Amino acid sequence: MKRFWSGVFAFFLLFGMTFPGLSQTKSLNLGQCIKIALQANPQVKNAYRQINLAEGGITSARATILPSISGNASSARAIQAPSTFVQDVPIYINPITKKVTYAQREIIRGGYARNAHNLGVYLNQTIFDGGKWWNRIREANANYRSVEWKYKATRQNIILQVTQRFFELLKASQLLEVYEQSVKSTGEQYRKTQSMYEVGAVAQVDVYRAKVNLGQAKMNAIMQRNKVLIAKSNLNVTLGRNPGTPIELSNEKVGMEEFKGTAEDAKRQAFQMNANLKSFKEQISSYRYAIKVAKGDYLPQISARAGYSRFNTLFDRVYSTWDKNYGLNLSVSVNWNLFSGFQRAANVEHQNLNYLIAKENFSDQQRLLLQSVEQAFMNLQAYRQIYDINKENLKAAEEDLRLATERYKVGSGTLLEVIDAQVSLTKSKATLVNTKYDNLIALAQLYDSMGIIEQKIMRLLKE
């Protein structure tokens, strides 16, 4: 019996793990969602790895200034077996003409074995390479700054995405409540109409109309329920989690500090703070130095070399008595590539084109930034006005539905008036929800364009 109940317990435990919807899910607020995303989102992780790669580029660029030191040590033994071969050998010299007469004879050479031991240390130092080394360092530093700003831009973009999808999920959930309330109210109206028809107070056509109205409300709720699931999936992916991970949100703290300035204030701050724009600007600097590196190939290169080497057939004489059996070599060389098949000109042109592309991308980014600031600012203005207007519309729609229902009860109104009032009320509620969260999303978009979204919601990150 114990085994039976243990098996049942294990089954339900596994069932709960297999179907996460049955387990407890902790509600997350906006700050907690952002923390999860900044730790788990692959875009943030890869952007940080790009910084490490850029640091490696700086180290590689600096390496060209430092000398290169190499060493080698070798020991070899050559063994030659006895060998026989035919060779021309002198056999007679004319004493008068001194002419030598040769004849082929078979020569036998004895075998031998010899040792060879080598030890050497060599230092190479570039003295001048046309200015390429310091321009490479400047290029690498500019590239590092560009990647660093790109990382900050990625962080802010992920914060924006989380904020958007957080609000989209809250909006979808509250819209679902609106449509479920519509199902409830239209269901009550359908039942009332059915009862009125049974007592002969209304025609059967009213029952059909009420039923159609209820069916439409149910379809709206079904579609909205699906949108909630999609919104959860979108948020989970942005958080770096699997789409089907159970997630519930807390809407206790969803507000952000309102922007009090003008559109011009927002644009000015965007040009000063936007991380993506700064990344593009550093790319221009990086390509400017790359042009100088390419032009350095036209100048001569001066290098110095120092070497210390030892050789002997006896091992001890190579690795001892350091004041003997050695050789020193010091040299300075100048190399000047006078013609490389137009490769240098092609490299310079290539970097010039990269520079022009970077400048054009920067200008385009400025225009896009202006556009995003203007659109977000205009949306904010519109949503605030719509929200205020719709609060009054909602009160009017509620009163309209109340009056239409009363008129229908006493026979002075029609069901169509009631249905129209119900639809208007549902639309007003939905518009109020949409406007509330669209306003918050537009505010987040404005702060992202201005480059200050992270500091504006930093208080949420600390919770």
Protein backbone atom coordinates (compact mmCIF):
# COMPACT_ATOMS: atom_id res chain seq x y z
CA MET A 1 0.00 0.00 0.00
CA LYS A 2 2.87 2.38 0.78
CA ARG A 3 4.34 1.67 -2.63
CA PHE A 4 0.98 2.43 -4.24
CA TRP A 5 0.61 5.84 -2.59
CA SER A 6 4.30 6.60 -3.25
CA GLY A 7 3.68 5.86 -6.92
CA VAL A 8 0.61 8.11 -6.96
CA PHE A 9 2.57 10.93 -5.32
CA ALA A 10 5.43 10.51 -7.79
CA PHE A 11 2.96 10.54 -10.71
CA PHE A 12 1.35 13.78 -9.65
CA LEU A 13 4.76 15.32 -8.94
CA LEU A 14 5.90 14.40 -12.44
CA PHE A 15 2.57 15.56 -13.86
CA GLY A 16 3.01 18.93 -12.19
CA MET A 17 6.54 19.23 -13.56
CA THR A 18 5.46 18.19 -17.04
CA PHE A 19 2.56 20.62 -17.14
CA PRO A 20 3.92 23.87 -15.70
CA GLY A 21 0.49 25.46 -15.70
CA LEU A 22 -0.31 23.36 -12.65
CA SER A 23 2.63 24.69 -10.65
CA GLN A 24 2.84 27.94 -8.73
CA THR A 25 4.14 30.86 -10.81
CA LYS A 26 5.57 33.91 -9.10
CA SER A 27 4.31 37.24 -10.39
CA LEU A 28 6.99 39.45 -11.92
CA ASN A 29 7.05 43.22 -12.02
CA LEU A 30 8.76 45.28 -14.72
CA GLY A 31 12.02 45.67 -12.83
CA GLN A 32 12.32 41.92 -12.24
CA CYS A 33 11.64 41.20 -15.92
CA ILE A 34 14.38 43.63 -16.97
CA LYS A 35 16.85 42.02 -14.56
CA ILE A 36 16.12 38.58 -16.02
CA ALA A 37 16.53 39.84 -19.59
CA LEU A 38 19.82 41.63 -18.93
CA GLN A 39 21.23 38.40 -17.48
CA ALA A 40 19.77 35.87 -19.92
CA ASN A 41 19.03 37.60 -23.24
CA PRO A 42 21.50 36.31 -25.89
CA GLN A 43 21.76 39.70 -27.60
CA VAL A 44 23.09 41.28 -24.41
CA LYS A 45 25.49 38.38 -23.84
CA ASN A 46 26.88 38.55 -27.38
CA ALA A 47 27.19 42.34 -27.25
CA TYR A 48 29.32 41.97 -24.11
CA ARG A 49 31.44 39.32 -25.83
CA GLN A 50 32.06 41.80 -28.64
CA ILE A 51 33.64 44.11 -26.05
CA ASN A 52 36.05 41.32 -25.10
CA LEU A 53 36.90 40.81 -28.76
CA ALA A 54 37.57 44.55 -29.15
CA GLU A 55 39.87 44.45 -26.11
CA GLY A 56 41.79 41.68 -27.84
CA GLY A 57 42.09 43.89 -30.92
CA ILE A 58 43.74 46.63 -28.81
CA THR A 59 46.20 44.11 -27.38
CA SER A 60 47.04 42.86 -30.88
CA ALA A 61 47.57 46.42 -32.12
CA ARG A 62 49.89 47.25 -29.24
CA ALA A 63 51.94 44.13 -29.90
CA THR A 64 53.39 45.71 -33.06
CA ILE A 65 55.27 48.28 -30.94
CA LEU A 66 56.96 45.72 -28.73
CA PRO A 67 59.97 43.68 -29.91
CA SER A 68 59.58 40.06 -30.88
CA ILE A 69 61.94 37.62 -29.20
CA SER A 70 62.48 34.10 -30.46
CA GLY A 71 64.76 31.31 -29.48
CA ASN A 72 65.77 27.94 -30.84
CA ALA A 73 67.73 24.98 -29.66
CA SER A 74 68.57 21.87 -31.63
CA SER A 75 70.72 18.80 -31.37
CA ALA A 76 71.40 16.50 -34.29
CA ARG A 77 73.56 13.49 -35.10
CA ALA A 78 74.49 12.67 -38.69
CA ILE A 79 75.60 9.11 -39.49
CA GLN A 80 77.16 8.27 -42.87
CA ALA A 81 77.84 4.65 -43.72
CA PRO A 82 80.95 3.61 -45.78
CA SER A 83 80.36 4.33 -49.46
CA THR A 84 81.94 3.42 -52.80
CA PHE A 85 81.71 5.63 -55.86
CA VAL A 86 83.55 6.43 -59.12
CA GLN A 87 85.36 9.75 -59.37
CA ASP A 88 87.86 11.47 -61.66
CA VAL A 89 91.23 11.55 -59.91
CA PRO A 90 94.55 13.02 -61.12
CA ILE A 91 97.04 10.33 -62.22
CA TYR A 92 99.76 12.37 -63.98
CA ILE A 93 101.04 15.96 -64.12
CA ASN A 94 103.21 16.95 -67.12
CA PRO A 95 106.28 18.59 -65.61
CA ILE A 96 106.67 20.90 -68.57
CA THR A 97 103.10 21.90 -69.43
CA LYS A 98 101.76 21.30 -65.95
CA LYS A 99 98.77 19.65 -67.61
CA VAL A 100 96.91 17.25 -65.35
CA THR A 101 95.68 13.95 -66.62
CA TYR A 102 92.59 12.45 -64.96
CA ALA A 103 91.26 8.94 -64.92
CA GLN A 104 88.19 7.38 -63.33
CA ARG A 105 88.94 5.34 -60.27
CA GLU A 106 86.74 3.60 -57.72
CA ILE A 107 86.86 5.51 -54.43
CA ILE A 108 85.99 3.98 -51.11
CA ARG A 109 85.08 6.44 -48.36
CA GLY A 110 84.81 5.32 -44.79
CA GLY A 111 81.75 5.95 -42.66
CA TYR A 112 81.50 8.60 -39.99
CA ALA A 113 79.21 10.04 -37.30
CA ARG A 114 79.06 13.69 -36.30
CA ASN A 115 77.08 15.69 -33.76
CA ALA A 116 75.73 19.24 -34.24
CA HIS A 117 74.36 21.36 -31.41
CA ASN A 118 72.79 24.82 -31.87
CA LEU A 119 71.43 27.43 -29.46
CA GLY A 120 70.20 30.89 -30.45
CA VAL A 121 68.20 33.88 -29.21
CA TYR A 122 67.01 36.57 -31.64
CA LEU A 123 65.35 39.96 -31.12
CA ASN A 124 63.49 41.83 -33.84
CA GLN A 125 62.31 45.41 -33.37
CA THR A 126 60.36 47.55 -35.81
CA ILE A 127 61.71 51.09 -35.69
CA PHE A 128 59.42 52.70 -38.26
CA ASP A 129 56.61 51.21 -40.36
CA GLY A 130 55.10 54.28 -41.98
CA GLY A 131 53.04 55.21 -38.94
CA LYS A 132 50.94 52.04 -39.15
CA TRP A 133 51.56 50.85 -35.60
CA TRP A 134 50.21 53.90 -33.73
CA ASN A 135 47.36 54.33 -36.22
CA ARG A 136 46.43 50.67 -35.68
CA ILE A 137 46.29 51.35 -31.95
CA ARG A 138 44.09 54.40 -32.50
CA GLU A 139 41.88 52.40 -34.86
CA ALA A 140 41.55 49.59 -32.29
CA ASN A 141 40.70 52.05 -29.51
CA ALA A 142 38.05 53.75 -31.65
CA ASN A 143 36.61 50.35 -32.54
CA TYR A 144 36.55 49.43 -28.83
CA ARG A 145 34.64 52.62 -27.99
CA SER A 146 32.21 51.90 -30.82
CA VAL A 147 31.58 48.36 -29.56
CA GLU A 148 31.23 49.61 -25.99
CA TRP A 149 28.55 52.10 -27.05
CA LYS A 150 26.94 49.34 -29.11
CA TYR A 151 26.74 47.20 -25.97
CA LYS A 152 25.07 50.05 -24.08
CA ALA A 153 22.66 50.52 -27.00
CA THR A 154 21.86 46.80 -26.94
CA ARG A 155 21.16 46.93 -23.21
CA GLN A 156 18.83 49.88 -23.67
CA ASN A 157 17.13 48.23 -26.62
CA ILE A 158 16.48 45.09 -24.58
CA ILE A 159 15.13 47.23 -21.73
CA LEU A 160 12.82 48.88 -24.27
CA GLN A 161 11.72 45.52 -25.69
CA VAL A 162 11.00 44.13 -22.22
CA THR A 163 9.10 47.29 -21.29
CA GLN A 164 7.05 47.17 -24.49
CA ARG A 165 6.21 43.50 -24.18
CA PHE A 166 5.53 43.81 -20.47
CA PHE A 167 2.96 46.54 -21.18
CA GLU A 168 1.62 44.65 -24.20
CA LEU A 169 0.96 41.62 -22.00
CA LEU A 170 -0.71 43.74 -19.32
CA LYS A 171 -2.77 45.42 -22.03
CA ALA A 172 -3.77 42.09 -23.56
CA SER A 173 -4.72 40.71 -20.13
CA GLN A 174 -6.85 43.73 -19.22
CA LEU A 175 -8.49 43.69 -22.65
CA LEU A 176 -9.34 40.04 -22.01
CA GLU A 177 -11.07 41.13 -18.80
CA VAL A 178 -13.01 43.72 -20.81
CA TYR A 179 -14.15 41.14 -23.36
CA GLU A 180 -14.94 38.55 -20.70
CA GLN A 181 -17.07 41.17 -18.95
CA SER A 182 -18.76 41.77 -22.30
CA VAL A 183 -19.50 38.04 -22.55
CA LYS A 184 -21.00 38.16 -19.09
CA SER A 185 -23.18 41.21 -19.76
CA THR A 186 -24.34 40.04 -23.20
CA GLY A 187 -25.07 36.62 -21.70
CA GLU A 188 -27.24 38.21 -19.05
CA GLN A 189 -29.01 40.24 -21.74
CA TYR A 190 -29.61 37.10 -23.79
CA ARG A 191 -31.15 35.30 -20.81
CA LYS A 192 -33.35 38.32 -20.01
CA THR A 193 -34.49 38.55 -23.62
CA GLN A 194 -35.25 34.81 -23.63
CA SER A 195 -37.34 35.24 -20.48
CA MET A 196 -39.17 38.24 -21.96
CA TYR A 197 -39.92 36.27 -25.11
CA GLU A 198 -41.32 33.37 -23.10
CA VAL A 199 -43.84 35.70 -21.47
CA GLY A 200 -44.64 37.33 -24.80
CA ALA A 201 -43.06 40.69 -24.00
CA VAL A 202 -40.72 40.72 -27.04
CA ALA A 203 -40.55 39.11 -30.45
CA GLN A 204 -38.46 36.05 -31.20
CA VAL A 205 -36.21 38.12 -33.47
CA ASP A 206 -34.88 39.86 -30.36
CA VAL A 207 -33.80 36.49 -28.98
CA TYR A 208 -31.84 35.78 -32.16
CA ARG A 209 -30.22 39.20 -32.08
CA ALA A 210 -29.24 38.77 -28.44
CA LYS A 211 -27.80 35.34 -29.25
CA VAL A 212 -25.73 36.73 -32.15
CA ASN A 213 -24.49 39.51 -29.89
CA LEU A 214 -23.44 36.94 -27.27
CA GLY A 215 -21.69 34.83 -29.91
CA GLN A 216 -19.74 37.82 -31.17
CA ALA A 217 -18.67 38.68 -27.62
CA LYS A 218 -17.48 35.09 -27.08
CA MET A 219 -15.45 35.19 -30.31
CA ASN A 220 -13.84 38.44 -29.25
CA ALA A 221 -12.88 36.88 -25.93
CA ILE A 222 -11.43 33.80 -27.66
CA MET A 223 -9.31 35.94 -29.97
CA GLN A 224 -8.14 38.08 -27.07
CA ARG A 225 -7.25 35.01 -25.01
CA ASN A 226 -5.03 33.91 -27.89
CA LYS A 227 -3.40 37.36 -27.96
CA VAL A 228 -2.58 36.99 -24.27
CA LEU A 229 -0.77 33.72 -24.97
CA ILE A 230 1.15 35.33 -27.85
CA ALA A 231 2.10 38.29 -25.65
CA LYS A 232 3.41 35.89 -22.98
CA SER A 233 5.43 34.04 -25.59
CA ASN A 234 6.92 37.30 -26.91
CA LEU A 235 7.90 38.46 -23.43
CA ASN A 236 9.45 35.11 -22.54
CA VAL A 237 11.63 35.14 -25.66
CA THR A 238 12.83 38.65 -24.86
CA LEU A 239 13.66 37.48 -21.33
CA GLY A 240 15.84 34.75 -22.85
CA ARG A 241 13.44 31.97 -21.82
CA ASN A 242 11.47 29.37 -23.72
CA PRO A 243 8.22 30.73 -25.23
CA GLY A 244 5.99 28.41 -23.23
CA THR A 245 7.46 29.22 -19.81
CA PRO A 246 4.65 30.07 -17.35
CA ILE A 247 4.64 33.77 -16.54
CA GLU A 248 2.37 36.05 -14.56
CA LEU A 249 2.83 39.78 -14.19
CA SER A 250 2.32 42.16 -11.33
CA ASN A 251 0.95 45.52 -12.39
CA GLU A 252 1.47 47.21 -9.06
CA LYS A 253 4.21 49.52 -10.38
CA VAL A 254 3.95 50.17 -14.07
CA GLY A 255 4.34 53.95 -14.22
CA MET A 256 7.35 55.95 -15.32
CA GLU A 257 8.26 59.55 -14.74
CA GLU A 258 6.57 61.67 -17.39
CA PHE A 259 8.68 63.73 -19.80
CA LYS A 260 8.09 67.41 -19.06
CA GLY A 261 10.14 69.05 -21.84
CA THR A 262 9.44 69.99 -25.44
CA ALA A 263 10.16 68.05 -28.61
CA GLU A 264 13.27 70.16 -29.19
CA ASP A 265 14.51 69.32 -25.70
CA ALA A 266 14.04 65.63 -26.47
CA LYS A 267 15.92 65.91 -29.79
CA ARG A 268 18.80 67.80 -28.20
CA GLN A 269 19.17 65.19 -25.47
CA ALA A 270 18.91 62.37 -28.00
CA PHE A 271 21.88 63.74 -29.98
CA GLN A 272 23.88 63.98 -26.76
CA MET A 273 22.96 60.68 -25.09
CA ASN A 274 21.84 58.13 -27.70
CA ALA A 275 24.29 55.22 -27.44
CA ASN A 276 23.65 53.87 -30.92
CA LEU A 277 24.45 57.26 -32.47
CA LYS A 278 27.70 57.45 -30.50
CA SER A 279 28.64 53.98 -31.73
CA PHE A 280 28.22 55.11 -35.34
CA LYS A 281 30.34 58.18 -34.62
CA GLU A 282 33.19 56.07 -33.25
CA GLN A 283 33.02 53.86 -36.35
CA ILE A 284 33.84 56.95 -38.43
CA SER A 285 36.96 57.53 -36.30
CA SER A 286 37.96 53.89 -36.65
CA TYR A 287 37.82 54.02 -40.45
CA ARG A 288 39.67 57.35 -40.51
CA TYR A 289 42.62 55.67 -38.79
CA ALA A 290 42.27 52.64 -41.07
CA ILE A 291 42.93 54.95 -44.04
CA LYS A 292 46.16 56.14 -42.41
CA VAL A 293 47.21 52.54 -41.80
CA ALA A 294 46.65 51.72 -45.47
CA LYS A 295 48.64 54.80 -46.57
CA GLY A 296 51.55 53.69 -44.36
CA ASP A 297 52.35 50.97 -46.91
CA TYR A 298 53.71 53.69 -49.22
CA LEU A 299 56.51 54.54 -46.75
CA PRO A 300 59.68 52.55 -46.02
CA GLN A 301 59.92 50.19 -43.08
CA ILE A 302 62.96 50.25 -40.80
CA SER A 303 63.72 47.37 -38.48
CA ALA A 304 66.60 46.15 -36.32
CA ARG A 305 67.69 42.64 -35.48
CA ALA A 306 70.02 41.28 -32.81
CA GLY A 307 71.02 37.66 -32.51
CA TYR A 308 73.09 35.51 -30.19
CA SER A 309 73.90 32.00 -31.36
CA ARG A 310 76.08 29.07 -30.34
CA PHE A 311 77.27 26.02 -32.32
CA ASN A 312 79.53 23.11 -31.60
CA THR A 313 79.79 19.43 -32.21
CA LEU A 314 80.09 18.87 -28.45
CA PHE A 315 77.00 19.37 -26.30
CA ASP A 316 78.91 20.69 -23.26
CA ARG A 317 80.59 23.41 -25.30
CA VAL A 318 77.22 24.80 -26.36
CA TYR A 319 75.57 24.82 -22.93
CA SER A 320 78.59 25.87 -20.88
CA THR A 321 81.63 28.14 -21.22
CA TRP A 322 79.40 31.00 -22.26
CA ASP A 323 82.35 33.23 -23.10
CA LYS A 324 83.32 30.95 -25.98
CA ASN A 325 81.72 29.27 -29.00
CA TYR A 326 79.18 32.01 -29.63
CA GLY A 327 78.37 34.54 -32.31
CA LEU A 328 76.66 37.94 -32.17
CA ASN A 329 74.79 39.53 -35.02
CA LEU A 330 73.45 43.09 -35.14
CA SER A 331 71.70 44.53 -38.18
CA VAL A 332 69.47 47.36 -39.30
CA SER A 333 67.43 46.99 -42.47
CA VAL A 334 65.34 49.30 -44.60
CA ASN A 335 62.62 47.80 -46.79
CA TRP A 336 60.66 49.88 -49.26
CA ASN A 337 58.01 48.34 -51.43
CA LEU A 338 58.21 50.48 -54.56
CA PHE A 339 55.50 48.68 -56.53
CA SER A 340 52.92 46.12 -55.37
CA GLY A 341 50.71 45.75 -58.40
CA PHE A 342 48.39 48.60 -57.29
CA GLN A 343 47.45 46.66 -54.16
CA ARG A 344 48.27 49.60 -51.88
CA ALA A 345 46.09 51.97 -53.90
CA ALA A 346 43.25 49.43 -53.77
CA ASN A 347 43.61 49.13 -49.98
CA VAL A 348 43.51 52.90 -49.52
CA GLU A 349 40.46 53.17 -51.76
CA HIS A 350 38.80 50.31 -49.87
CA GLN A 351 39.26 52.09 -46.53
CA ASN A 352 38.13 55.40 -48.04
CA LEU A 353 34.89 53.76 -49.14
CA ASN A 354 34.40 52.25 -45.68
CA TYR A 355 34.91 55.73 -44.22
CA LEU A 356 32.34 57.29 -46.57
CA ILE A 357 29.86 54.48 -45.81
CA ALA A 358 30.33 55.04 -42.07
CA LYS A 359 29.70 58.79 -42.48
CA GLU A 360 26.56 58.11 -44.50
CA ASN A 361 25.34 55.60 -41.92
CA PHE A 362 25.92 58.18 -39.19
CA SER A 363 23.90 60.81 -41.08
CA ASP A 364 21.13 58.31 -41.73
CA GLN A 365 21.10 57.34 -38.06
CA GLN A 366 20.71 60.99 -37.13
CA ARG A 367 17.67 61.29 -39.39
CA LEU A 368 16.15 58.08 -38.03
CA LEU A 369 16.76 59.29 -34.49
CA LEU A 370 14.99 62.57 -35.19
CA GLN A 371 12.10 60.65 -36.70
CA SER A 372 11.76 58.29 -33.74
CA VAL A 373 11.85 61.18 -31.25
CA GLU A 374 9.23 63.14 -33.18
CA GLN A 375 6.93 60.13 -33.59
CA ALA A 376 7.18 59.09 -29.95
CA PHE A 377 6.60 62.67 -28.80
CA MET A 378 3.56 63.11 -31.07
CA ASN A 379 2.15 59.76 -29.97
CA LEU A 380 2.51 60.82 -26.34
CA GLN A 381 0.61 64.02 -26.98
CA ALA A 382 -2.14 62.19 -28.85
CA TYR A 383 -2.53 59.38 -26.31
CA ARG A 384 -2.82 61.79 -23.40
CA GLN A 385 -5.60 63.71 -25.14
CA ILE A 386 -7.38 60.53 -26.24
CA TYR A 387 -7.17 59.11 -22.73
CA ASP A 388 -8.77 62.19 -21.18
CA ILE A 389 -11.51 62.27 -23.83
CA ASN A 390 -12.21 58.56 -23.55
CA LYS A 391 -12.67 58.72 -19.76
CA GLU A 392 -15.61 61.03 -20.43
CA ASN A 393 -16.79 58.76 -23.26
CA LEU A 394 -16.75 55.80 -20.91
CA LYS A 395 -19.03 57.57 -18.43
CA ALA A 396 -21.37 58.50 -21.28
CA ALA A 397 -21.37 54.93 -22.65
CA GLU A 398 -22.23 53.49 -19.23
CA GLU A 399 -25.11 55.92 -18.85
CA ASP A 400 -26.28 55.23 -22.43
CA LEU A 401 -26.39 51.49 -21.75
CA ARG A 402 -28.28 52.02 -18.50
CA LEU A 403 -30.93 54.17 -20.21
CA ALA A 404 -31.22 51.85 -23.24
CA THR A 405 -31.71 48.86 -20.93
CA GLU A 406 -34.40 50.67 -18.92
CA ARG A 407 -36.23 51.74 -22.07
CA TYR A 408 -36.15 48.21 -23.42
CA LYS A 409 -37.56 46.82 -20.16
CA VAL A 410 -40.58 49.11 -20.30
CA GLY A 411 -41.08 48.60 -24.04
CA SER A 412 -40.16 52.10 -25.17
CA GLY A 413 -36.81 51.08 -26.64
CA THR A 414 -35.43 48.37 -28.94
CA LEU A 415 -32.91 45.62 -28.43
CA LEU A 416 -30.76 47.12 -31.17
CA GLU A 417 -30.33 50.21 -29.01
CA VAL A 418 -29.23 48.02 -26.11
CA ILE A 419 -26.79 46.08 -28.31
CA ASP A 420 -25.35 49.29 -29.76
CA ALA A 421 -24.89 50.67 -26.27
CA GLN A 422 -23.17 47.45 -25.14
CA VAL A 423 -20.80 47.55 -28.12
CA SER A 424 -20.04 51.23 -27.49
CA LEU A 425 -19.31 50.55 -23.84
CA THR A 426 -16.98 47.66 -24.69
CA LYS A 427 -15.16 49.81 -27.26
CA SER A 428 -14.77 52.64 -24.77
CA LYS A 429 -13.32 50.29 -22.15
CA ALA A 430 -10.97 48.74 -24.73
CA THR A 431 -9.89 52.16 -25.98
CA LEU A 432 -9.14 53.27 -22.42
CA VAL A 433 -6.96 50.21 -21.82
CA ASN A 434 -5.21 50.53 -25.19
CA THR A 435 -4.52 54.23 -24.69
CA LYS A 436 -3.19 53.74 -21.17
CA TYR A 437 -0.55 51.21 -22.18
CA ASP A 438 0.19 52.70 -25.60
CA ASN A 439 1.01 55.92 -23.76
CA LEU A 440 3.47 54.07 -21.52
CA ILE A 441 5.03 52.32 -24.53
CA ALA A 442 5.41 55.64 -26.38
CA LEU A 443 7.06 57.14 -23.28
CA ALA A 444 9.51 54.21 -23.15
CA GLN A 445 10.26 54.65 -26.86
CA LEU A 446 10.95 58.34 -26.33
CA TYR A 447 13.30 57.64 -23.43
CA ASP A 448 15.08 54.97 -25.49
CA SER A 449 15.65 57.40 -28.37
CA MET A 450 16.91 59.98 -25.89
CA GLY A 451 19.34 57.40 -24.48
CA ILE A 452 18.01 57.65 -20.92
CA ILE A 453 15.57 54.72 -20.65
CA GLU A 454 17.86 52.78 -18.32
CA GLN A 455 18.28 55.60 -15.81
CA LYS A 456 14.56 56.46 -15.95
CA ILE A 457 13.57 53.01 -14.76
CA MET A 458 16.66 52.36 -12.64
CA ARG A 459 14.50 52.48 -9.54
CA LEU A 460 12.65 49.46 -10.90
CA LEU A 461 15.92 47.60 -11.44
CA LYS A 462 16.87 48.12 -7.79
CA GLU A 463 13.70 46.58 -6.44
